[in-house]
PDB file of N, CA and C in Angstrom:
ATOM      1  N   MET A   1      -4.549 -15.239  13.238  1.00  0.00           N
ATOM      2  CA  MET A   1      -3.782 -14.789  14.330  1.00  0.00           C
ATOM      3  C   MET A   1      -4.523 -15.418  15.812  1.00  0.00           C
ATOM      4  N   VAL A   2      -3.658 -15.529  16.898  1.00  0.00           N
ATOM      5  CA  VAL A   2      -4.352 -15.801  18.143  1.00  0.00           C
ATOM      6  C   VAL A   2      -4.233 -14.624  18.897  1.00  0.00           C
ATOM      7  N   LYS A   3      -5.052 -14.211  19.225  1.00  0.00           N
ATOM      8  CA  LYS A   3      -5.290 -12.519  20.365  1.00  0.00           C
ATOM      9  C   LYS A   3      -4.745 -13.133  21.846  1.00  0.00           C
ATOM     10  N   SER A   4      -3.998 -11.950  22.492  1.00  0.00           N
ATOM     11  CA  SER A   4      -3.675 -12.336  23.357  1.00  0.00           C
ATOM     12  C   SER A   4      -4.699 -12.243  24.726  1.00  0.00           C
ATOM     13  N   LYS A   5      -4.074 -12.294  25.631  1.00  0.00           N
ATOM     14  CA  LYS A   5      -5.393 -11.472  26.582  1.00  0.00           C
ATOM     15  C   LYS A   5      -5.597  -9.991  27.249  1.00  0.00           C
ATOM     16  N   LEU A   6      -4.593  -9.867  26.384  1.00  0.00           N
ATOM     17  CA  LEU A   6      -4.300  -7.938  26.956  1.00  0.00           C
ATOM     18  C   LEU A   6      -5.155  -7.590  25.421  1.00  0.00           C
ATOM     19  N   ASP A   7      -4.844  -8.203  24.500  1.00  0.00           N
ATOM     20  CA  ASP A   7      -6.165  -7.958  23.296  1.00  0.00           C
ATOM     21  C   ASP A   7      -7.614  -8.345  23.493  1.00  0.00           C
ATOM     22  N   MET A   8      -7.581  -9.505  23.644  1.00  0.00           N
ATOM     23  CA  MET A   8      -8.954  -9.503  24.208  1.00  0.00           C
ATOM     24  C   MET A   8      -9.652  -8.728  25.632  1.00  0.00           C
ATOM     25  N   GLU A   9      -9.045  -8.551  26.331  1.00  0.00           N
ATOM     26  CA  GLU A   9      -9.495  -7.430  27.219  1.00  0.00           C
ATOM     27  C   GLU A   9      -9.711  -5.933  26.798  1.00  0.00           C
ATOM     28  N   PHE A  10      -8.606  -5.645  25.978  1.00  0.00           N
ATOM     29  CA  PHE A  10      -8.816  -3.880  25.392  1.00  0.00           C
ATOM     30  C   PHE A  10     -10.019  -3.946  23.879  1.00  0.00           C
ATOM     31  N   GLN A  11     -10.629  -4.987  23.606  1.00  0.00           N
ATOM     32  CA  GLN A  11     -11.288  -4.784  22.730  1.00  0.00           C
ATOM     33  C   GLN A  11     -12.778  -4.822  23.840  1.00  0.00           C
ATOM     34  N   ARG A  12     -12.682  -5.544  24.311  1.00  0.00           N
ATOM     35  CA  ARG A  12     -13.820  -5.582  25.509  1.00  0.00           C
ATOM     36  C   ARG A  12     -14.294  -4.637  25.882  1.00  0.00           C
ATOM     37  N   ALA A  13     -12.735  -3.716  26.506  1.00  0.00           N
ATOM     38  CA  ALA A  13     -13.276  -2.195  26.729  1.00  0.00           C
ATOM     39  C   ALA A  13     -13.773  -1.199  25.889  1.00  0.00           C
ATOM     40  N   VAL A  14     -13.134  -1.663  24.447  1.00  0.00           N
ATOM     41  CA  VAL A  14     -13.262  -0.585  23.302  1.00  0.00           C
ATOM     42  C   VAL A  14     -15.167  -0.688  23.178  1.00  0.00           C
ATOM     43  N   ASP A  15     -15.479  -1.968  22.796  1.00  0.00           N
ATOM     44  CA  ASP A  15     -16.611  -2.248  22.602  1.00  0.00           C
ATOM     45  C   ASP A  15     -17.663  -1.683  23.891  1.00  0.00           C
ATOM     46  N   ARG A  16     -17.211  -2.052  25.304  1.00  0.00           N
ATOM     47  CA  ARG A  16     -18.079  -1.155  26.181  1.00  0.00           C
ATOM     48  C   ARG A  16     -18.606   0.762  26.186  1.00  0.00           C
ATOM     49  N   VAL A  17     -17.133   1.168  25.929  1.00  0.00           N
ATOM     50  CA  VAL A  17     -17.208   2.316  25.544  1.00  0.00           C
ATOM     51  C   VAL A  17     -18.101   2.863  24.403  1.00  0.00           C
ATOM     52  N   ASN A  18     -17.908   2.136  23.134  1.00  0.00           N
ATOM     53  CA  ASN A  18     -18.527   2.333  21.996  1.00  0.00           C
ATOM     54  C   ASN A  18     -20.441   1.921  22.291  1.00  0.00           C
ATOM     55  N   ALA A  19     -20.612   1.210  23.355  1.00  0.00           N
ATOM     56  CA  ALA A  19     -21.591   0.834  23.333  1.00  0.00           C
ATOM     57  C   ALA A  19     -22.358   2.188  24.520  1.00  0.00           C
ATOM     58  N   TYR A  20     -21.506   2.891  25.532  1.00  0.00           N
ATOM     59  CA  TYR A  20     -22.048   3.303  26.104  1.00  0.00           C
ATOM     60  C   TYR A  20     -22.624   4.305  25.607  1.00  0.00           C
ATOM     61  N   THR A  21     -24.306   4.972  25.850  1.00  0.00           N
ATOM     62  CA  THR A  21     -25.057   6.071  25.161  1.00  0.00           C
ATOM     63  C   THR A  21     -24.580   7.313  25.945  1.00  0.00           C
ATOM     64  N   ASP A  22     -24.616   7.835  26.963  1.00  0.00           N
ATOM     65  CA  ASP A  22     -24.154   8.404  27.809  1.00  0.00           C
ATOM     66  C   ASP A  22     -22.740   9.280  27.465  1.00  0.00           C
ATOM     67  N   PRO A  23     -23.321  10.456  27.981  1.00  0.00           N
ATOM     68  CA  PRO A  23     -21.828  11.508  27.630  1.00  0.00           C
ATOM     69  C   PRO A  23     -20.944  11.515  28.635  1.00  0.00           C
ATOM     70  N   PHE A  24     -19.563  10.972  28.222  1.00  0.00           N
ATOM     71  CA  PHE A  24     -18.051  10.612  28.867  1.00  0.00           C
ATOM     72  C   PHE A  24     -17.769  12.141  29.449  1.00  0.00           C
ATOM     73  N   PRO A  25     -17.019  12.620  30.574  1.00  0.00           N
ATOM     74  CA  PRO A  25     -16.373  13.968  30.557  1.00  0.00           C
ATOM     75  C   PRO A  25     -14.983  14.014  29.347  1.00  0.00           C
ATOM     76  N   ALA A  26     -14.830  15.126  29.394  1.00  0.00           N
ATOM     77  CA  ALA A  26     -14.203  15.501  28.615  1.00  0.00           C
ATOM     78  C   ALA A  26     -12.639  14.962  28.943  1.00  0.00           C
ATOM     79  N   ASP A  27     -12.488  15.325  29.981  1.00  0.00           N
ATOM     80  CA  ASP A  27     -10.998  14.809  30.284  1.00  0.00           C
ATOM     81  C   ASP A  27     -11.036  12.888  29.961  1.00  0.00           C
ATOM     82  N   THR A  28     -11.939  12.225  30.192  1.00  0.00           N
ATOM     83  CA  THR A  28     -12.081  10.837  30.021  1.00  0.00           C
ATOM     84  C   THR A  28     -12.360  11.028  28.558  1.00  0.00           C
ATOM     85  N   LEU A  29     -12.592  11.061  27.792  1.00  0.00           N
ATOM     86  CA  LEU A  29     -12.535  10.994  26.223  1.00  0.00           C
ATOM     87  C   LEU A  29     -11.512  11.528  25.696  1.00  0.00           C
ATOM     88  N   LEU A  30     -10.609  12.567  26.116  1.00  0.00           N
ATOM     89  CA  LEU A  30      -9.589  12.500  25.697  1.00  0.00           C
ATOM     90  C   LEU A  30      -8.378  11.576  25.783  1.00  0.00           C
ATOM     91  N   LYS A  31      -8.182  11.240  27.219  1.00  0.00           N
ATOM     92  CA  LYS A  31      -7.224   9.919  27.739  1.00  0.00           C
ATOM     93  C   LYS A  31      -7.775   8.691  26.432  1.00  0.00           C
ATOM     94  N   LEU A  32      -8.796   8.670  26.913  1.00  0.00           N
ATOM     95  CA  LEU A  32      -9.533   7.367  25.783  1.00  0.00           C
ATOM     96  C   LEU A  32      -9.145   7.696  24.247  1.00  0.00           C
ATOM     97  N   TYR A  33      -9.215   8.668  23.526  1.00  0.00           N
ATOM     98  CA  TYR A  33      -8.812   8.298  22.629  1.00  0.00           C
ATOM     99  C   TYR A  33      -6.960   8.934  22.475  1.00  0.00           C
ATOM    100  N   ALA A  34      -6.485   8.891  23.514  1.00  0.00           N
ATOM    101  CA  ALA A  34      -5.149   9.193  23.259  1.00  0.00           C
ATOM    102  C   ALA A  34      -4.479   7.273  23.105  1.00  0.00           C
ATOM    103  N   TYR A  35      -4.979   6.507  24.618  1.00  0.00           N
ATOM    104  CA  TYR A  35      -4.574   5.500  24.920  1.00  0.00           C
ATOM    105  C   TYR A  35      -4.879   5.065  23.463  1.00  0.00           C
ATOM    106  N   TYR A  36      -5.777   4.697  22.851  1.00  0.00           N
ATOM    107  CA  TYR A  36      -6.548   4.061  22.018  1.00  0.00           C
ATOM    108  C   TYR A  36      -5.587   4.221  20.344  1.00  0.00           C
ATOM    109  N   LYS A  37      -5.079   5.414  20.465  1.00  0.00           N
ATOM    110  CA  LYS A  37      -4.599   6.121  19.209  1.00  0.00           C
ATOM    111  C   LYS A  37      -3.014   5.373  19.212  1.00  0.00           C
ATOM    112  N   LYS A  38      -2.352   5.436  20.999  1.00  0.00           N
ATOM    113  CA  LYS A  38      -1.080   4.310  20.975  1.00  0.00           C
ATOM    114  C   LYS A  38      -1.333   3.321  20.711  1.00  0.00           C
ATOM    115  N   ALA A  39      -2.206   2.481  21.495  1.00  0.00           N
ATOM    116  CA  ALA A  39      -2.756   1.361  21.656  1.00  0.00           C
ATOM    117  C   ALA A  39      -3.050   0.438  20.150  1.00  0.00           C
ATOM    118  N   THR A  40      -3.299   1.444  19.258  1.00  0.00           N
ATOM    119  CA  THR A  40      -3.914   0.711  18.211  1.00  0.00           C
ATOM    120  C   THR A  40      -2.504   1.226  16.960  1.00  0.00           C
ATOM    121  N   ASN A  41      -1.979   1.860  16.927  1.00  0.00           N
ATOM    122  CA  ASN A  41      -0.424   2.564  15.954  1.00  0.00           C
ATOM    123  C   ASN A  41      -1.313   3.480  15.470  1.00  0.00           C
ATOM    124  N   ASP A  42      -2.258   4.340  15.468  1.00  0.00           N
ATOM    125  CA  ASP A  42      -2.718   5.072  14.697  1.00  0.00           C
ATOM    126  C   ASP A  42      -2.345   6.459  14.654  1.00  0.00           C
ATOM    127  N   TYR A  43      -1.598   6.224  13.875  1.00  0.00           N
ATOM    128  CA  TYR A  43      -0.681   8.468  14.096  1.00  0.00           C
ATOM    129  C   TYR A  43      -1.388   9.484  13.039  1.00  0.00           C
ATOM    130  N   GLY A  44      -2.850   8.927  12.351  1.00  0.00           N
ATOM    131  CA  GLY A  44      -3.280  10.210  11.524  1.00  0.00           C
ATOM    132  C   GLY A  44      -3.749  11.635  12.780  1.00  0.00           C
ATOM    133  N   LYS A  45      -3.577  12.389  12.010  1.00  0.00           N
ATOM    134  CA  LYS A  45      -4.094  13.902  12.386  1.00  0.00           C
ATOM    135  C   LYS A  45      -5.633  13.608  12.702  1.00  0.00           C
ATOM    136  N   PRO A  46      -5.648  14.405  13.589  1.00  0.00           N
ATOM    137  CA  PRO A  46      -7.230  14.338  14.778  1.00  0.00           C
ATOM    138  C   PRO A  46      -7.762  14.916  13.437  1.00  0.00           C
ATOM    139  N   ARG A  47      -9.212  14.407  13.378  1.00  0.00           N
ATOM    140  CA  ARG A  47      -9.914  15.056  12.268  1.00  0.00           C
ATOM    141  C   ARG A  47     -11.846  15.861  12.803  1.00  0.00           C
ATOM    142  N   SER A  48     -11.223  16.602  13.570  1.00  0.00           N
ATOM    143  CA  SER A  48     -12.772  17.042  13.685  1.00  0.00           C
ATOM    144  C   SER A  48     -12.278  18.947  13.100  1.00  0.00           C
ATOM    145  N   LYS A  49     -13.773  18.637  13.275  1.00  0.00           N
ATOM    146  CA  LYS A  49     -13.521  20.451  12.424  1.00  0.00           C
ATOM    147  C   LYS A  49     -13.482  21.378  13.381  1.00  0.00           C
ATOM    148  N   LYS A  50     -13.558  21.183  14.370  1.00  0.00           N
ATOM    149  CA  LYS A  50     -13.318  22.033  15.261  1.00  0.00           C
ATOM    150  C   LYS A  50     -11.648  22.336  15.690  1.00  0.00           C
ATOM    151  N   PRO A  51     -10.875  23.256  15.000  1.00  0.00           N
ATOM    152  CA  PRO A  51      -9.586  23.372  15.927  1.00  0.00           C
ATOM    153  C   PRO A  51      -9.214  23.405  16.612  1.00  0.00           C
ATOM    154  N   ILE A  52     -10.149  23.758  18.002  1.00  0.00           N
ATOM    155  CA  ILE A  52      -9.830  23.961  19.403  1.00  0.00           C
ATOM    156  C   ILE A  52      -9.887  22.141  20.033  1.00  0.00           C
ATOM    157  N   ILE A  53     -10.919  21.185  19.299  1.00  0.00           N
ATOM    158  CA  ILE A  53     -10.781  20.404  19.369  1.00  0.00           C
ATOM    159  C   ILE A  53      -9.382  19.509  19.245  1.00  0.00           C
ATOM    160  N   ASN A  54      -9.162  19.796  17.881  1.00  0.00           N
ATOM    161  CA  ASN A  54      -7.773  18.862  17.524  1.00  0.00           C
ATOM    162  C   ASN A  54      -6.499  19.324  18.052  1.00  0.00           C
ATOM    163  N   ALA A  55      -6.643  20.630  18.701  1.00  0.00           N
ATOM    164  CA  ALA A  55      -5.485  21.132  19.587  1.00  0.00           C
ATOM    165  C   ALA A  55      -5.713  20.150  20.883  1.00  0.00           C
ATOM    166  N   PHE A  56      -6.594  20.216  21.234  1.00  0.00           N
ATOM    167  CA  PHE A  56      -7.140  19.040  22.717  1.00  0.00           C
ATOM    168  C   PHE A  56      -6.567  17.939  22.230  1.00  0.00           C
ATOM    169  N   LYS A  57      -6.679  16.800  21.379  1.00  0.00           N
ATOM    170  CA  LYS A  57      -6.549  15.854  20.831  1.00  0.00           C
ATOM    171  C   LYS A  57      -5.000  15.640  20.558  1.00  0.00           C
ATOM    172  N   THR A  58      -4.481  16.498  20.074  1.00  0.00           N
ATOM    173  CA  THR A  58      -3.161  16.786  19.919  1.00  0.00           C
ATOM    174  C   THR A  58      -2.601  16.644  21.234  1.00  0.00           C
ATOM    175  N   ASN A  59      -3.018  17.270  22.442  1.00  0.00           N
ATOM    176  CA  ASN A  59      -1.906  17.204  23.660  1.00  0.00           C
ATOM    177  C   ASN A  59      -2.086  16.041  24.002  1.00  0.00           C
ATOM    178  N   ALA A  60      -3.144  15.371  24.287  1.00  0.00           N
ATOM    179  CA  ALA A  60      -3.925  14.183  25.009  1.00  0.00           C
ATOM    180  C   ALA A  60      -2.429  13.077  23.843  1.00  0.00           C
ATOM    181  N   LEU A  61      -2.670  13.033  22.781  1.00  0.00           N
ATOM    182  CA  LEU A  61      -1.395  12.094  22.135  1.00  0.00           C
ATOM    183  C   LEU A  61      -0.105  12.981  22.507  1.00  0.00           C
ATOM    184  N   PHE A  62       0.211  13.842  22.880  1.00  0.00           N
ATOM    185  CA  PHE A  62       1.687  14.241  23.491  1.00  0.00           C
ATOM    186  C   PHE A  62       1.826  13.662  24.821  1.00  0.00           C
ATOM    187  N   GLN A  63       0.878  13.964  25.898  1.00  0.00           N
ATOM    188  CA  GLN A  63       1.112  12.885  26.920  1.00  0.00           C
ATOM    189  C   GLN A  63       1.288  12.171  26.759  1.00  0.00           C
ATOM    190  N   ALA A  64       0.680  11.047  26.005  1.00  0.00           N
ATOM    191  CA  ALA A  64       0.912   9.947  25.880  1.00  0.00           C
ATOM    192  C   ALA A  64       1.923   9.336  25.103  1.00  0.00           C
ATOM    193  N   LYS A  65       2.793   9.569  24.773  1.00  0.00           N
ATOM    194  CA  LYS A  65       3.858   9.589  24.247  1.00  0.00           C
ATOM    195  C   LYS A  65       4.689   8.588  24.191  1.00  0.00           C
ATOM    196  N   GLY A  66       4.933   8.536  25.815  1.00  0.00           N
ATOM    197  CA  GLY A  66       6.163   7.666  25.926  1.00  0.00           C
ATOM    198  C   GLY A  66       5.425   6.072  26.236  1.00  0.00           C
ATOM    199  N   LEU A  67       4.339   6.088  26.085  1.00  0.00           N
ATOM    200  CA  LEU A  67       3.721   4.829  26.511  1.00  0.00           C
ATOM    201  C   LEU A  67       3.822   3.681  25.317  1.00  0.00           C
ATOM    202  N   SER A  68       4.117   2.179  25.352  1.00  0.00           N
ATOM    203  CA  SER A  68       4.355   1.341  24.226  1.00  0.00           C
ATOM    204  C   SER A  68       2.652   0.980  24.176  1.00  0.00           C
ATOM    205  N   GLU A  69       2.379   0.372  22.702  1.00  0.00           N
ATOM    206  CA  GLU A  69       1.089  -0.284  22.565  1.00  0.00           C
ATOM    207  C   GLU A  69       0.711  -1.110  24.042  1.00  0.00           C
ATOM    208  N   GLU A  70       1.768  -1.354  24.321  1.00  0.00           N
ATOM    209  CA  GLU A  70       0.651  -2.998  25.338  1.00  0.00           C
ATOM    210  C   GLU A  70       0.629  -1.894  26.617  1.00  0.00           C
ATOM    211  N   GLU A  71       1.335  -1.347  27.142  1.00  0.00           N
ATOM    212  CA  GLU A  71       1.122  -0.204  27.929  1.00  0.00           C
ATOM    213  C   GLU A  71      -0.330   0.927  27.494  1.00  0.00           C
ATOM    214  N   ALA A  72      -0.274   1.270  26.988  1.00  0.00           N
ATOM    215  CA  ALA A  72      -2.154   2.048  26.106  1.00  0.00           C
ATOM    216  C   ALA A  72      -2.879   1.091  26.310  1.00  0.00           C
ATOM    217  N   LYS A  73      -2.611   0.190  25.405  1.00  0.00           N
ATOM    218  CA  LYS A  73      -3.560  -0.670  25.522  1.00  0.00           C
ATOM    219  C   LYS A  73      -4.107  -1.177  27.763  1.00  0.00           C
ATOM    220  N   GLN A  74      -3.033  -1.228  28.250  1.00  0.00           N
ATOM    221  CA  GLN A  74      -3.987  -1.256  29.695  1.00  0.00           C
ATOM    222  C   GLN A  74      -4.533   0.045  30.444  1.00  0.00           C
ATOM    223  N   SER A  75      -3.797   0.891  30.343  1.00  0.00           N
ATOM    224  CA  SER A  75      -4.421   2.643  30.365  1.00  0.00           C
ATOM    225  C   SER A  75      -5.085   2.602  29.861  1.00  0.00           C
ATOM    226  N   TYR A  76      -6.206   2.276  28.859  1.00  0.00           N
ATOM    227  CA  TYR A  76      -7.313   2.588  28.258  1.00  0.00           C
ATOM    228  C   TYR A  76      -8.202   1.319  28.677  1.00  0.00           C
ATOM    229  N   ILE A  77      -7.691   0.008  29.093  1.00  0.00           N
ATOM    230  CA  ILE A  77      -8.458  -0.796  30.102  1.00  0.00           C
ATOM    231  C   ILE A  77      -8.801  -0.473  31.185  1.00  0.00           C
ATOM    232  N   ASP A  78      -7.830   0.158  32.267  1.00  0.00           N
ATOM    233  CA  ASP A  78      -7.770   0.542  33.355  1.00  0.00           C
ATOM    234  C   ASP A  78      -8.995   1.715  33.535  1.00  0.00           C
ATOM    235  N   LEU A  79      -8.590   2.671  32.641  1.00  0.00           N
ATOM    236  CA  LEU A  79      -9.521   4.029  32.210  1.00  0.00           C
ATOM    237  C   LEU A  79     -10.809   3.171  32.622  1.00  0.00           C
ATOM    238  N   VAL A  80     -11.498   2.542  31.299  1.00  0.00           N
ATOM    239  CA  VAL A  80     -12.757   2.168  31.212  1.00  0.00           C
ATOM    240  C   VAL A  80     -13.332   1.245  32.237  1.00  0.00           C
ATOM    241  N   ASN A  81     -12.328   0.484  33.031  1.00  0.00           N
ATOM    242  CA  ASN A  81     -13.108  -0.324  34.064  1.00  0.00           C
ATOM    243  C   ASN A  81     -12.858   1.033  35.609  1.00  0.00           C
ATOM    244  N   ASN A  82     -12.444   1.629  35.631  1.00  0.00           N
ATOM    245  CA  ASN A  82     -12.436   2.419  36.851  1.00  0.00           C
ATOM    246  C   ASN A  82     -13.541   3.289  36.384  1.00  0.00           C
ATOM    247  N   TYR A  83     -14.101   4.189  35.646  1.00  0.00           N
ATOM    248  CA  TYR A  83     -15.144   4.341  34.659  1.00  0.00           C
ATOM    249  C   TYR A  83     -16.219   4.005  35.094  1.00  0.00           C
ATOM    250  N   PHE A  84     -16.514   3.032  34.668  1.00  0.00           N
ATOM    251  CA  PHE A  84     -17.690   2.483  35.174  1.00  0.00           C
ATOM    252  C   PHE A  84     -18.207   2.025  36.310  1.00  0.00           C
ATOM    253  N   LEU A  85     -16.851   1.284  37.138  1.00  0.00           N
ATOM    254  CA  LEU A  85     -16.747   1.320  38.627  1.00  0.00           C
ATOM    255  C   LEU A  85     -17.147   2.825  39.490  1.00  0.00           C
ATOM    256  N   TYR A  86     -17.199   3.782  39.029  1.00  0.00           N
ATOM    257  CA  TYR A  86     -16.833   4.984  39.964  1.00  0.00           C
ATOM    258  C   TYR A  86     -18.036   5.656  39.281  1.00  0.00           C
ATOM    259  N   ARG A  87     -18.496   5.681  38.517  1.00  0.00           N
ATOM    260  CA  ARG A  87     -19.583   6.542  37.774  1.00  0.00           C
ATOM    261  C   ARG A  87     -20.165   6.814  38.930  1.00  0.00           C
ATOM    262  N   LYS A  88     -21.178   8.193  39.050  1.00  0.00           N
ATOM    263  CA  LYS A  88     -22.364   8.354  40.131  1.00  0.00           C
ATOM    264  C   LYS A  88     -23.622   8.166  38.826  1.00  0.00           C
TER     265      LYS A  88
END
């Protein structure tokens, strides 16, 4: 299967996030989580041991519910690029 330019950019953004060792701000992490789940069509329940974290993740997913897979991939890419461009 040939990957599209969007798929390749998305994978590079995912790899960049996974390789980054400093902590991300909580709001950024939640957006990344929701966009990733939508982009990969993974609708499993959040699996944190802490109910409050599961609630935040569920809320983030709810906020991203109107996005298509392609829109979620692009949103993930844009968020990663902007984070690394503007972080201090």
